[in-house]
Amino acid sequence: MIVQGSNNPLVLTFDTSVDDIPSLSVTLWSAAGRGTRPLKAWTRADMMINGATVVCPLTEDETKNLVSANLILEAKGLDQDGNTIFWEEYPIDLHRRRDRMITLTQEG
């Protein structure tokens, strides 16, 4: 679950280590708007990877602007031989907050 206006990262646990996967992409989509642009995309450089655990950061500004209550998380990568790897998509609920516009974090 993602809470509107939060800055908690998404923590993904894969079935095996993804340390050796040269290219990895994670995208967040609106379930209602499939086929359009992702709401958020992370590349390997944006993530913290430790074995089978991947941390995808989110900011307060990013989560407060999410409006769809039903989100889909997708991950794909390329192995060392250049073969595309797809993982099952994962549904994520968005918990709406009326106070999402009250900013608690600072930038800079």
C-alpha atoms as a PDB file:
ATOM      1  CA  MET A   1       0.000   0.000   0.000  1.00  0.00           C
ATOM      2  CA  ILE A   2       1.096   3.553  -0.756  1.00  0.00           C
ATOM      3  CA  VAL A   3      -0.219   6.374   1.414  1.00  0.00           C
ATOM      4  CA  GLN A   4      -0.823   9.686  -0.372  1.00  0.00           C
ATOM      5  CA  GLY A   5       1.689  12.279   0.838  1.00  0.00           C
ATOM      6  CA  SER A   6       4.108   9.718   2.294  1.00  0.00           C
ATOM      7  CA  ASN A   7       7.766   9.242   1.413  1.00  0.00           C
ATOM      8  CA  ASN A   8       8.048   5.554   2.259  1.00  0.00           C
ATOM      9  CA  PRO A   9       9.913   3.591  -0.412  1.00  0.00           C
ATOM     10  CA  LEU A  10       8.540   0.524  -2.119  1.00  0.00           C
ATOM     11  CA  VAL A  11      10.470  -2.539  -0.976  1.00  0.00           C
ATOM     12  CA  LEU A  12      10.349  -5.440  -3.432  1.00  0.00           C
ATOM     13  CA  THR A  13      11.443  -8.970  -2.638  1.00  0.00           C
ATOM     14  CA  PHE A  14      12.187 -11.127  -5.674  1.00  0.00           C
ATOM     15  CA  ASP A  15      12.297 -14.939  -5.575  1.00  0.00           C
ATOM     16  CA  THR A  16      16.046 -14.909  -6.317  1.00  0.00           C
ATOM     17  CA  SER A  17      18.891 -12.407  -6.230  1.00  0.00           C
ATOM     18  CA  VAL A  18      18.811  -9.657  -8.861  1.00  0.00           C
ATOM     19  CA  ASP A  19      22.365  -8.445  -8.091  1.00  0.00           C
ATOM     20  CA  ASP A  20      23.731  -9.907 -11.342  1.00  0.00           C
ATOM     21  CA  ILE A  21      20.962  -8.660 -13.642  1.00  0.00           C
ATOM     22  CA  PRO A  22      22.627  -5.944 -15.747  1.00  0.00           C
ATOM     23  CA  SER A  23      19.408  -4.099 -16.618  1.00  0.00           C
ATOM     24  CA  LEU A  24      16.410  -3.830 -14.295  1.00  0.00           C
ATOM     25  CA  SER A  25      13.321  -1.632 -14.583  1.00  0.00           C
ATOM     26  CA  VAL A  26      10.400  -1.177 -12.185  1.00  0.00           C
ATOM     27  CA  THR A  27       7.337   0.841 -13.205  1.00  0.00           C
ATOM     28  CA  LEU A  28       4.191   1.974 -11.403  1.00  0.00           C
ATOM     29  CA  TRP A  29       0.984   2.209 -13.446  1.00  0.00           C
ATOM     30  CA  SER A  30      -2.602   3.218 -12.895  1.00  0.00           C
ATOM     31  CA  ALA A  31      -4.734   0.078 -13.211  1.00  0.00           C
ATOM     32  CA  ALA A  32      -7.418   2.164 -14.937  1.00  0.00           C
ATOM     33  CA  GLY A  33      -5.019   3.753 -17.432  1.00  0.00           C
ATOM     34  CA  ARG A  34      -3.141   0.733 -18.740  1.00  0.00           C
ATOM     35  CA  GLY A  35      -1.290   1.362 -21.970  1.00  0.00           C
ATOM     36  CA  THR A  36      -0.488   4.980 -21.165  1.00  0.00           C
ATOM     37  CA  ARG A  37       2.676   6.297 -19.521  1.00  0.00           C
ATOM     38  CA  PRO A  38       3.833   4.921 -16.188  1.00  0.00           C
ATOM     39  CA  LEU A  39       3.172   7.080 -13.129  1.00  0.00           C
ATOM     40  CA  LYS A  40       6.718   6.410 -11.917  1.00  0.00           C
ATOM     41  CA  ALA A  41       9.677   4.509 -13.335  1.00  0.00           C
ATOM     42  CA  TRP A  42      12.887   3.366 -11.670  1.00  0.00           C
ATOM     43  CA  THR A  43      16.012   2.099 -13.417  1.00  0.00           C
ATOM     44  CA  ARG A  44      18.813   0.160 -11.765  1.00  0.00           C
ATOM     45  CA  ALA A  45      20.609   3.442 -10.966  1.00  0.00           C
ATOM     46  CA  ASP A  46      17.552   4.706  -9.032  1.00  0.00           C
ATOM     47  CA  MET A  47      17.209   1.602  -6.830  1.00  0.00           C
ATOM     48  CA  MET A  48      19.062   0.172  -3.873  1.00  0.00           C
ATOM     49  CA  ILE A  49      19.651  -3.510  -4.612  1.00  0.00           C
ATOM     50  CA  ASN A  50      20.794  -6.088  -2.074  1.00  0.00           C
ATOM     51  CA  GLY A  51      20.374  -9.678  -3.230  1.00  0.00           C
ATOM     52  CA  ALA A  52      16.676 -10.334  -3.760  1.00  0.00           C
ATOM     53  CA  THR A  53      15.600  -7.066  -2.102  1.00  0.00           C
ATOM     54  CA  VAL A  54      15.102  -3.918  -4.165  1.00  0.00           C
ATOM     55  CA  VAL A  55      14.199  -0.550  -2.646  1.00  0.00           C
ATOM     56  CA  CYS A  56      12.483   1.970  -4.927  1.00  0.00           C
ATOM     57  CA  PRO A  57      12.351   5.446  -3.329  1.00  0.00           C
ATOM     58  CA  LEU A  58       9.287   7.688  -3.430  1.00  0.00           C
ATOM     59  CA  THR A  59       9.007  11.343  -2.453  1.00  0.00           C
ATOM     60  CA  GLU A  60       6.193  13.106  -0.663  1.00  0.00           C
ATOM     61  CA  ASP A  61       5.481  15.125  -3.836  1.00  0.00           C
ATOM     62  CA  GLU A  62       5.262  11.992  -5.983  1.00  0.00           C
ATOM     63  CA  THR A  63       2.812  10.179  -3.707  1.00  0.00           C
ATOM     64  CA  LYS A  64       0.563  13.172  -3.014  1.00  0.00           C
ATOM     65  CA  ASN A  65      -0.067  13.505  -6.768  1.00  0.00           C
ATOM     66  CA  LEU A  66      -1.181   9.887  -7.200  1.00  0.00           C
ATOM     67  CA  VAL A  67      -4.949   9.765  -7.709  1.00  0.00           C
ATOM     68  CA  SER A  68      -5.859   6.257  -8.819  1.00  0.00           C
ATOM     69  CA  ALA A  69      -6.774   3.988  -5.901  1.00  0.00           C
ATOM     70  CA  ASN A  70      -5.630   0.909  -7.828  1.00  0.00           C
ATOM     71  CA  LEU A  71      -2.043   0.764  -8.996  1.00  0.00           C
ATOM     72  CA  ILE A  72       0.015  -1.927 -10.705  1.00  0.00           C
ATOM     73  CA  LEU A  73       3.739  -2.493 -10.192  1.00  0.00           C
ATOM     74  CA  GLU A  74       5.682  -4.180 -12.982  1.00  0.00           C
ATOM     75  CA  ALA A  75       9.311  -5.295 -13.118  1.00  0.00           C
ATOM     76  CA  LYS A  76      11.411  -6.533 -16.010  1.00  0.00           C
ATOM     77  CA  GLY A  77      15.066  -6.967 -16.738  1.00  0.00           C
ATOM     78  CA  LEU A  78      17.689  -8.315 -19.095  1.00  0.00           C
ATOM     79  CA  ASP A  79      19.880 -11.235 -18.086  1.00  0.00           C
ATOM     80  CA  GLN A  80      23.580 -11.589 -19.019  1.00  0.00           C
ATOM     81  CA  ASP A  81      22.598 -13.179 -22.350  1.00  0.00           C
ATOM     82  CA  GLY A  82      20.271 -10.294 -23.304  1.00  0.00           C
ATOM     83  CA  ASN A  83      17.074 -12.261 -22.660  1.00  0.00           C
ATOM     84  CA  THR A  84      14.140 -10.282 -21.267  1.00  0.00           C
ATOM     85  CA  ILE A  85      12.894 -11.401 -17.861  1.00  0.00           C
ATOM     86  CA  PHE A  86       9.332 -10.574 -16.805  1.00  0.00           C
ATOM     87  CA  TRP A  87       7.991 -10.884 -13.273  1.00  0.00           C
ATOM     88  CA  GLU A  88       4.320 -11.103 -12.357  1.00  0.00           C
ATOM     89  CA  GLU A  89       2.679  -7.718 -11.997  1.00  0.00           C
ATOM     90  CA  TYR A  90       1.717  -6.769  -8.462  1.00  0.00           C
ATOM     91  CA  PRO A  91      -1.385  -4.785  -7.451  1.00  0.00           C
ATOM     92  CA  ILE A  92      -0.876  -1.911  -4.998  1.00  0.00           C
ATOM     93  CA  ASP A  93      -3.621   0.027  -3.236  1.00  0.00           C
ATOM     94  CA  LEU A  94      -3.359   3.773  -2.761  1.00  0.00           C
ATOM     95  CA  HIS A  95      -4.630   5.012   0.591  1.00  0.00           C
ATOM     96  CA  ARG A  96      -6.077   8.471   0.017  1.00  0.00           C
ATOM     97  CA  ARG A  97      -5.409  11.186   2.594  1.00  0.00           C
ATOM     98  CA  ARG A  98      -7.099  14.572   2.933  1.00  0.00           C
ATOM     99  CA  ASP A  99      -3.936  15.967   4.554  1.00  0.00           C
ATOM    100  CA  ARG A 100      -1.641  14.955   1.699  1.00  0.00           C
ATOM    101  CA  MET A 101      -1.031  18.639   0.897  1.00  0.00           C
ATOM    102  CA  ILE A 102       0.586  19.288   4.297  1.00  0.00           C
ATOM    103  CA  THR A 103       4.296  18.895   3.572  1.00  0.00           C
ATOM    104  CA  LEU A 104       6.528  17.604   6.355  1.00  0.00           C
ATOM    105  CA  THR A 105       9.797  17.000   4.532  1.00  0.00           C
ATOM    106  CA  GLN A 106      12.226  19.589   3.240  1.00  0.00           C
ATOM    107  CA  GLU A 107      14.398  19.525   0.170  1.00  0.00           C
ATOM    108  CA  GLY A 108      17.909  20.840  -0.031  1.00  0.00           C
END
